[in-house]
């Protein structure tokens, strides 16, 4: 386990997660604001394999996913994506099963993970990118005190940043 909140914990993905990861990532309402349209079990297995090669959560120029798990029933409900840009800045993304939207789980884990990265590794800044029409995600970021800093017409998204204090 990497970190624990009141209702969740974060851990490394395992091959046993592939079917469940594919299940929630394959939902049309989940994929709508992501870079994929479908996500097979094989896609999940390939990504998990890549993530298992990452030896440190602060390795510059690396990226990985981690599993968001509900403590109550030990169910994988989503994942976070992390890309380490340099020793002080990382990019964060998150995917949550739509069955668990609007329950505060994403906010809980995003905030906890940002604090973890600051405390454990000394990161100073986190950035997130969301599609223009992903209103739900933009509200989450603003609620957590992220500030819009960029717009990309090419990617049809907006960049948000937060200084970690």
Protein backbone atom coordinates (compact mmCIF):
# COMPACT_ATOMS: atom_id res chain seq x y z
CA UNK A 1 0.00 0.00 0.00
CA UNK A 2 1.27 3.46 -0.91
CA UNK A 3 -1.17 5.64 1.00
CA UNK A 4 -4.47 5.41 2.82
CA UNK A 5 -7.34 7.86 3.28
CA UNK A 6 -10.52 7.55 5.29
CA UNK A 7 -12.30 5.46 2.63
CA UNK A 8 -9.63 4.50 0.11
CA UNK A 9 -6.14 3.24 -0.34
CA UNK A 10 -3.69 3.53 -3.19
CA UNK A 11 -1.50 0.63 -4.28
CA UNK A 12 0.46 -0.63 -7.27
CA UNK A 13 -1.57 -2.25 -10.02
CA UNK A 14 -1.39 -6.04 -10.26
CA UNK A 15 -2.13 -8.40 -13.15
CA UNK A 16 -5.26 -9.51 -11.27
CA UNK A 17 -6.59 -5.95 -11.79
CA UNK A 18 -6.64 -6.18 -15.59
CA UNK A 19 -10.24 -7.37 -16.01
CA UNK A 20 -11.67 -4.84 -13.56
CA UNK A 21 -9.55 -2.02 -15.03
CA UNK A 22 -10.82 -2.86 -18.51
CA UNK A 23 -14.40 -3.03 -17.21
CA UNK A 24 -14.59 0.53 -15.86
CA UNK A 25 -12.31 2.09 -18.51
CA UNK A 26 -14.50 0.57 -21.25
CA UNK A 27 -17.65 2.35 -20.11
CA UNK A 28 -18.57 5.01 -22.72
CA UNK A 29 -19.15 7.69 -20.07
CA UNK A 30 -15.69 7.03 -18.58
CA UNK A 31 -13.85 6.86 -21.93
CA UNK A 32 -15.55 10.04 -23.16
CA UNK A 33 -12.97 12.26 -21.44
CA UNK A 34 -9.95 10.03 -21.93
CA UNK A 35 -7.52 9.31 -24.76
CA UNK A 36 -9.12 5.93 -25.62
CA UNK A 37 -12.52 4.85 -26.89
CA UNK A 38 -12.24 1.18 -25.89
CA UNK A 39 -9.97 -0.48 -23.34
CA UNK A 40 -9.51 -4.24 -23.49
CA UNK A 41 -8.17 -6.61 -20.88
CA UNK A 42 -5.07 -6.91 -23.07
CA UNK A 43 -4.66 -3.11 -23.02
CA UNK A 44 -4.81 -3.25 -19.23
CA UNK A 45 -2.31 -6.13 -19.07
CA UNK A 46 0.17 -4.22 -21.27
CA UNK A 47 -0.14 -1.08 -19.15
CA UNK A 48 0.20 -3.00 -15.88
CA UNK A 49 3.32 -4.70 -17.27
CA UNK A 50 4.83 -1.29 -18.05
CA UNK A 51 3.93 0.03 -14.60
CA UNK A 52 5.62 -2.93 -12.91
CA UNK A 53 8.91 -1.81 -14.47
CA UNK A 54 8.82 1.53 -12.60
CA UNK A 55 10.91 1.16 -9.46
CA UNK A 56 10.39 4.58 -7.90
CA UNK A 57 7.40 6.92 -7.74
CA UNK A 58 9.65 9.93 -8.34
CA UNK A 59 11.77 8.67 -11.24
CA UNK A 60 12.16 11.60 -13.66
CA UNK A 61 10.82 10.97 -17.19
CA UNK A 62 8.72 8.02 -16.00
CA UNK A 63 4.98 7.55 -16.01
CA UNK A 64 2.76 4.99 -14.32
CA UNK A 65 -0.71 4.19 -13.03
CA UNK A 66 -1.70 3.28 -9.48
CA UNK A 67 -4.85 1.53 -8.27
CA UNK A 68 -7.55 3.37 -6.28
CA UNK A 69 -9.22 0.81 -4.02
CA UNK A 70 -12.24 1.14 -1.71
CA UNK A 71 -11.26 -0.02 1.77
CA UNK A 72 -14.75 -1.21 2.70
CA UNK A 73 -14.90 -3.99 0.09
CA UNK A 74 -11.37 -4.01 -1.36
CA UNK A 75 -12.77 -3.09 -4.80
CA UNK A 76 -10.69 -1.40 -7.50
CA UNK A 77 -12.75 1.67 -8.41
CA UNK A 78 -10.26 3.62 -10.48
CA UNK A 79 -6.69 4.57 -11.09
CA UNK A 80 -4.43 7.57 -11.16
CA UNK A 81 -1.86 8.38 -13.83
CA UNK A 82 1.40 10.04 -12.88
CA UNK A 83 4.09 11.46 -15.15
CA UNK A 84 7.23 12.78 -13.47
CA UNK A 85 8.45 15.82 -15.43
CA UNK A 86 11.37 16.76 -13.20
CA UNK A 87 12.41 16.66 -9.54
CA UNK A 88 9.79 19.26 -8.56
CA UNK A 89 6.83 18.87 -10.97
CA UNK A 90 4.53 15.98 -11.87
CA UNK A 91 1.44 15.58 -14.02
CA UNK A 92 -1.57 13.82 -12.52
CA UNK A 93 -4.55 12.21 -14.20
CA UNK A 94 -7.38 10.15 -12.76
CA UNK A 95 -9.98 7.69 -13.99
CA UNK A 96 -12.85 6.59 -11.80
CA UNK A 97 -15.57 4.03 -12.48
CA UNK A 98 -18.75 6.03 -13.19
CA UNK A 99 -20.57 4.02 -10.50
CA UNK A 100 -18.47 5.99 -7.99
CA UNK A 101 -18.77 9.49 -9.43
CA UNK A 102 -20.10 12.33 -7.25
CA UNK A 103 -19.19 10.58 -4.00
CA UNK A 104 -16.01 12.53 -3.27
CA UNK A 105 -13.66 9.63 -4.01
CA UNK A 106 -11.69 11.40 -6.75
CA UNK A 107 -11.25 14.54 -4.63
CA UNK A 108 -10.20 12.46 -1.64
CA UNK A 109 -7.52 10.57 -3.57
CA UNK A 110 -6.23 13.48 -5.67
CA UNK A 111 -5.72 15.63 -2.59
CA UNK A 112 -4.13 12.81 -0.58
CA UNK A 113 -1.78 11.84 -3.42
CA UNK A 114 -0.64 15.44 -3.96
CA UNK A 115 0.20 15.74 -0.26
CA UNK A 116 1.96 12.37 -0.34
CA UNK A 117 4.15 13.43 -3.28
CA UNK A 118 5.05 16.68 -1.50
CA UNK A 119 5.85 15.02 1.82
CA UNK A 120 7.64 11.91 0.52
CA UNK A 121 9.51 13.35 -2.47
CA UNK A 122 9.51 17.13 -2.12
CA UNK A 123 7.43 17.93 -5.19
CA UNK A 124 6.44 21.61 -5.43
CA UNK A 125 3.87 21.60 -8.23
CA UNK A 126 1.28 19.32 -9.85
CA UNK A 127 -0.38 19.81 -13.23
CA UNK A 128 -3.55 18.27 -14.66
CA UNK A 129 -5.03 18.43 -18.16
CA UNK A 130 -8.76 18.05 -18.86
CA UNK A 131 -10.90 18.30 -21.97
CA UNK A 132 -12.82 21.59 -22.33
CA UNK A 133 -16.19 19.95 -21.93
CA UNK A 134 -15.27 17.84 -18.88
CA UNK A 135 -17.14 20.12 -16.50
CA UNK A 136 -17.17 17.62 -13.63
CA UNK A 137 -13.37 17.29 -13.63
CA UNK A 138 -12.79 21.03 -13.92
CA UNK A 139 -15.04 21.60 -10.89
CA UNK A 140 -13.06 19.01 -8.93
CA UNK A 141 -9.75 20.71 -9.74
CA UNK A 142 -11.05 24.19 -8.88
CA UNK A 143 -12.45 22.87 -5.59
CA UNK A 144 -8.96 21.55 -4.78
CA UNK A 145 -7.42 24.98 -5.58
CA UNK A 146 -5.93 24.16 -8.98
CA UNK A 147 -5.66 27.21 -11.26
CA UNK A 148 -6.09 27.20 -15.03
CA UNK A 149 -2.83 28.10 -16.77
CA UNK A 150 -3.14 26.90 -20.36
CA UNK A 151 -5.49 26.02 -23.21
CA UNK A 152 -4.68 23.76 -26.12
CA UNK A 153 -6.79 24.05 -29.22
CA UNK A 154 -4.86 21.16 -30.76
CA UNK A 155 -5.69 18.75 -27.93
CA UNK A 156 -8.99 20.45 -27.02
CA UNK A 157 -8.00 20.64 -23.35
CA UNK A 158 -7.07 22.97 -20.53
CA UNK A 159 -4.13 22.78 -18.17
CA UNK A 160 -4.49 23.32 -14.41
CA UNK A 161 -1.69 23.72 -11.88
CA UNK A 162 -1.43 23.67 -8.12
CA UNK A 163 1.48 24.68 -5.93
CA UNK A 164 1.90 22.14 -3.16
CA UNK A 165 2.08 23.78 0.26
